[in-house]
């Protein structure tokens, strides 16, 4: 009987070690063509045993604010569980005020939160980065100027990314001028990863920094309370 206890403990320990050594992978793809925007976020964890997929097929800016439909799908093949749903979201001035209040309360509730966040970002690796832009203004001279500006923006974006995360890949991309008409198309793709054990250890470092747990919970509720237009499952 004792042997089985030790065998079970060894299996649990091996599973915990394997989970900590696994990588959490994040893939982000944003595209814009004309007036259509699309954002796709895919998360893989525990060697693909957990998968999370978010898709925002349309993003619209109106007088009431920024509205979009978000489709979510969560898969856990090992547990035989799959869930999906969609909902409409709205971001307006009221939403931004709530987010600002939540951030302020979090900064008060956690000591040196900014330093902790930046330290955590530096543990994330970017393994793939690409941005393609097609731009045309209808005039050859202004299109050439806009093309040069886009190259500058791409260089600045790469530098900013390298400042916050580990850029372990060579950024790829191109800016293609369109002299025959008016066009603006953007495709941005990036892959990120972090060891699950590294993320867990960094999360534990947050506990000694907590000052007021009740204020932090209120900040989390304010952050989650984003106005929704409708919800579907």
Protein backbone atom coordinates (compact mmCIF):
# COMPACT_ATOMS: atom_id res chain seq x y z
CA UNK A 1 0.00 0.00 0.00
CA UNK A 2 2.84 2.38 0.85
CA UNK A 3 4.33 1.75 -2.57
CA UNK A 4 1.18 3.04 -4.30
CA UNK A 5 1.21 6.19 -2.15
CA UNK A 6 4.80 6.86 -3.19
CA UNK A 7 3.97 6.08 -6.84
CA UNK A 8 1.02 8.49 -6.78
CA UNK A 9 3.17 11.19 -5.17
CA UNK A 10 5.88 10.64 -7.79
CA UNK A 11 3.32 10.91 -10.60
CA UNK A 12 1.92 14.15 -9.15
CA UNK A 13 5.42 15.57 -8.78
CA UNK A 14 6.31 14.60 -12.35
CA UNK A 15 3.09 16.17 -13.64
CA UNK A 16 3.80 19.39 -11.71
CA UNK A 17 7.35 19.57 -13.05
CA UNK A 18 6.16 18.91 -16.61
CA UNK A 19 3.50 21.63 -16.26
CA UNK A 20 6.07 24.15 -15.01
CA UNK A 21 8.42 23.32 -17.87
CA UNK A 22 5.68 23.76 -20.47
CA UNK A 23 5.31 27.01 -22.39
CA UNK A 24 2.32 29.30 -22.63
CA UNK A 25 2.15 30.40 -26.26
CA UNK A 26 0.28 33.45 -27.50
CA UNK A 27 -0.41 34.31 -31.14
CA UNK A 28 -1.87 37.67 -32.13
CA UNK A 29 -3.01 38.66 -35.62
CA UNK A 30 -4.51 42.01 -36.54
CA UNK A 31 -5.58 42.95 -40.04
CA UNK A 32 -7.24 45.97 -41.55
CA UNK A 33 -8.47 46.23 -45.12
CA UNK A 34 -10.51 49.26 -46.10
CA UNK A 35 -12.96 49.82 -43.25
CA UNK A 36 -12.84 46.23 -41.96
CA UNK A 37 -10.75 45.33 -38.90
CA UNK A 38 -10.11 41.87 -37.49
CA UNK A 39 -8.25 40.74 -34.39
CA UNK A 40 -7.47 37.11 -33.52
CA UNK A 41 -5.82 35.97 -30.27
CA UNK A 42 -4.89 32.29 -29.69
CA UNK A 43 -3.47 30.90 -26.43
CA UNK A 44 -1.99 27.41 -26.06
CA UNK A 45 -0.89 26.04 -22.68
CA UNK A 46 0.08 22.72 -21.08
CA UNK A 47 1.44 21.26 -24.33
CA UNK A 48 -1.79 22.08 -26.16
CA UNK A 49 -4.06 20.48 -23.54
CA UNK A 50 -5.63 23.90 -23.00
CA UNK A 51 -6.52 26.18 -25.91
CA UNK A 52 -8.23 29.54 -25.88
CA UNK A 53 -9.32 31.37 -29.04
CA UNK A 54 -10.69 34.91 -29.26
CA UNK A 55 -11.79 36.50 -32.52
CA UNK A 56 -13.04 40.03 -33.09
CA UNK A 57 -14.28 40.02 -36.69
CA UNK A 58 -15.44 43.66 -36.81
CA UNK A 59 -14.47 46.85 -34.97
CA UNK A 60 -16.60 49.95 -35.49
CA UNK A 61 -16.19 53.52 -34.30
CA UNK A 62 -19.40 55.50 -33.89
CA UNK A 63 -20.77 58.42 -31.88
CA UNK A 64 -21.50 56.14 -28.92
CA UNK A 65 -17.95 54.76 -28.80
CA UNK A 66 -15.93 51.81 -30.04
CA UNK A 67 -18.10 48.71 -30.51
CA UNK A 68 -17.10 45.21 -31.51
CA UNK A 69 -18.30 41.61 -31.43
CA UNK A 70 -16.07 39.14 -29.61
CA UNK A 71 -16.20 35.38 -30.19
CA UNK A 72 -14.59 33.12 -27.60
CA UNK A 73 -13.80 29.41 -27.65
CA UNK A 74 -12.11 27.40 -24.89
CA UNK A 75 -10.95 23.81 -25.40
CA UNK A 76 -9.58 21.31 -22.90
CA UNK A 77 -9.33 18.06 -24.90
CA UNK A 78 -7.91 16.05 -21.98
CA UNK A 79 -10.97 16.87 -19.87
CA UNK A 80 -13.35 16.56 -22.82
CA UNK A 81 -14.62 20.10 -22.34
CA UNK A 82 -15.31 22.73 -24.98
CA UNK A 83 -17.16 26.00 -24.52
CA UNK A 84 -17.86 28.87 -26.87
CA UNK A 85 -19.83 32.07 -26.96
CA UNK A 86 -20.07 35.52 -28.49
CA UNK A 87 -20.96 38.93 -27.17
CA UNK A 88 -21.05 42.56 -28.23
CA UNK A 89 -18.81 44.99 -26.38
CA UNK A 90 -18.82 48.77 -26.17
CA UNK A 91 -15.98 51.06 -25.11
CA UNK A 92 -16.93 54.69 -24.43
CA UNK A 93 -15.94 57.52 -22.09
CA UNK A 94 -17.68 55.83 -19.17
CA UNK A 95 -15.67 52.67 -19.78
CA UNK A 96 -12.39 54.62 -19.91
CA UNK A 97 -13.22 56.37 -16.65
CA UNK A 98 -13.83 53.01 -14.98
CA UNK A 99 -10.57 51.63 -16.31
CA UNK A 100 -8.68 54.70 -15.10
CA UNK A 101 -10.23 54.31 -11.64
CA UNK A 102 -9.36 50.60 -11.58
CA UNK A 103 -5.74 51.31 -12.55
CA UNK A 104 -5.47 53.99 -9.86
CA UNK A 105 -6.79 51.62 -7.19
CA UNK A 106 -4.43 48.88 -8.31
CA UNK A 107 -1.45 51.23 -8.07
CA UNK A 108 -2.49 52.09 -4.51
CA UNK A 109 -3.18 48.46 -3.54
CA UNK A 110 0.10 46.98 -4.84
CA UNK A 111 3.55 48.29 -4.00
CA UNK A 112 5.74 48.98 -7.05
CA UNK A 113 3.20 47.50 -9.44
CA UNK A 114 4.79 49.14 -12.49
CA UNK A 115 8.18 47.63 -11.72
CA UNK A 116 6.60 44.21 -11.25
CA UNK A 117 4.77 44.49 -14.58
CA UNK A 118 7.85 45.59 -16.54
CA UNK A 119 9.91 42.82 -14.95
CA UNK A 120 7.29 40.28 -15.98
CA UNK A 121 7.16 41.59 -19.55
CA UNK A 122 10.92 41.11 -19.90
CA UNK A 123 10.40 37.39 -19.19
CA UNK A 124 8.19 37.07 -22.29
CA UNK A 125 9.87 36.06 -25.55
CA UNK A 126 8.72 37.20 -28.98
CA UNK A 127 9.46 34.36 -31.39
CA UNK A 128 7.77 35.73 -34.53
CA UNK A 129 7.03 39.26 -35.70
CA UNK A 130 5.75 40.47 -39.05
CA UNK A 131 3.99 43.58 -40.31
CA UNK A 132 2.89 44.22 -43.90
CA UNK A 133 1.40 47.51 -45.07
CA UNK A 134 -0.11 48.54 -48.40
CA UNK A 135 -0.75 52.25 -48.70
CA UNK A 136 -1.91 54.58 -51.43
CA UNK A 137 -3.23 58.14 -51.28
CA UNK A 138 -4.18 58.59 -54.92
CA UNK A 139 -1.18 60.83 -55.56
CA UNK A 140 2.28 59.48 -56.38
CA UNK A 141 4.24 62.08 -54.38
CA UNK A 142 2.19 61.84 -51.21
CA UNK A 143 2.13 58.04 -51.51
CA UNK A 144 5.94 58.01 -51.53
CA UNK A 145 6.00 60.24 -48.42
CA UNK A 146 3.43 58.06 -46.66
CA UNK A 147 5.47 54.95 -47.51
CA UNK A 148 8.53 56.45 -45.84
CA UNK A 149 6.48 57.38 -42.77
CA UNK A 150 5.17 53.82 -42.54
CA UNK A 151 8.73 52.46 -42.60
CA UNK A 152 9.58 54.83 -39.75
CA UNK A 153 6.54 53.75 -37.74
CA UNK A 154 7.45 50.08 -38.24
CA UNK A 155 10.98 50.74 -36.99
CA UNK A 156 9.70 52.59 -33.92
CA UNK A 157 7.20 49.82 -33.16
CA UNK A 158 9.96 47.21 -33.32
CA UNK A 159 12.15 49.27 -31.00
CA UNK A 160 9.34 49.71 -28.47
CA UNK A 161 8.58 45.99 -28.53
CA UNK A 162 12.24 45.12 -28.00
CA UNK A 163 12.32 47.45 -24.99
CA UNK A 164 9.53 45.65 -23.16
CA UNK A 165 9.91 41.97 -24.20
CA UNK A 166 12.73 39.71 -25.39
CA UNK A 167 12.80 39.92 -29.17
CA UNK A 168 14.24 36.52 -30.12
CA UNK A 169 13.50 36.81 -33.82
CA UNK A 170 14.31 39.05 -36.75
CA UNK A 171 11.33 41.33 -37.47
CA UNK A 172 9.95 40.85 -40.96
CA UNK A 173 7.66 43.05 -42.96
CA UNK A 174 7.28 45.34 -45.93
CA UNK A 175 5.58 48.53 -47.00
CA UNK A 176 4.12 48.36 -50.49
CA UNK A 177 3.10 51.64 -52.13
CA UNK A 178 -0.05 51.65 -54.23
CA UNK A 179 0.15 54.41 -56.80
CA UNK A 180 -3.00 53.44 -58.73
CA UNK A 181 -5.55 54.38 -56.06
CA UNK A 182 -6.43 55.00 -52.43
CA UNK A 183 -5.77 52.06 -50.14
CA UNK A 184 -4.70 51.25 -46.60
CA UNK A 185 -4.19 47.61 -45.62
CA UNK A 186 -2.32 46.41 -42.54
CA UNK A 187 -1.48 42.87 -41.41
CA UNK A 188 0.39 42.40 -38.12
CA UNK A 189 1.29 38.99 -36.70
CA UNK A 190 3.34 38.12 -33.60
CA UNK A 191 3.99 35.02 -31.49
CA UNK A 192 4.94 35.17 -27.81
CA UNK A 193 5.83 32.55 -25.24
CA UNK A 194 6.74 32.22 -21.57
CA UNK A 195 7.48 29.24 -19.35
CA UNK A 196 4.52 28.34 -17.15
CA UNK A 197 6.85 27.95 -14.18
CA UNK A 198 8.37 31.37 -14.82
CA UNK A 199 4.93 32.98 -15.00
CA UNK A 200 3.84 31.20 -11.79
CA UNK A 201 6.98 32.24 -9.91
CA UNK A 202 6.58 35.84 -11.02
CA UNK A 203 2.92 35.79 -9.97
CA UNK A 204 3.91 34.60 -6.49
CA UNK A 205 6.25 37.59 -6.21
CA UNK A 206 3.16 39.81 -6.32
CA UNK A 207 1.77 38.49 -3.01
CA UNK A 208 4.21 40.31 -0.68
CA UNK A 209 3.50 43.56 -2.53
CA UNK A 210 -0.23 43.55 -1.73
CA UNK A 211 -1.38 46.32 0.59
CA UNK A 212 -5.15 46.37 0.55
CA UNK A 213 -6.87 43.23 -0.68
CA UNK A 214 -10.36 44.77 -0.64
CA UNK A 215 -9.26 47.70 -2.80
CA UNK A 216 -7.60 45.31 -5.24
CA UNK A 217 -10.79 43.25 -5.53
CA UNK A 218 -12.77 46.45 -6.18
CA UNK A 219 -10.27 47.46 -8.83
CA UNK A 220 -10.66 44.06 -10.49
CA UNK A 221 -14.46 44.43 -10.48
CA UNK A 222 -14.18 47.90 -12.03
CA UNK A 223 -11.85 46.53 -14.68
CA UNK A 224 -14.25 43.69 -15.49
CA UNK A 225 -17.35 45.91 -15.62
CA UNK A 226 -17.05 46.90 -19.27
CA UNK A 227 -20.47 47.88 -20.71
CA UNK A 228 -21.91 45.28 -23.06
CA UNK A 229 -24.50 45.85 -25.73
CA UNK A 230 -25.68 42.24 -25.88
CA UNK A 231 -24.56 38.75 -25.02
CA UNK A 232 -25.04 35.50 -26.86
CA UNK A 233 -23.90 31.97 -26.14
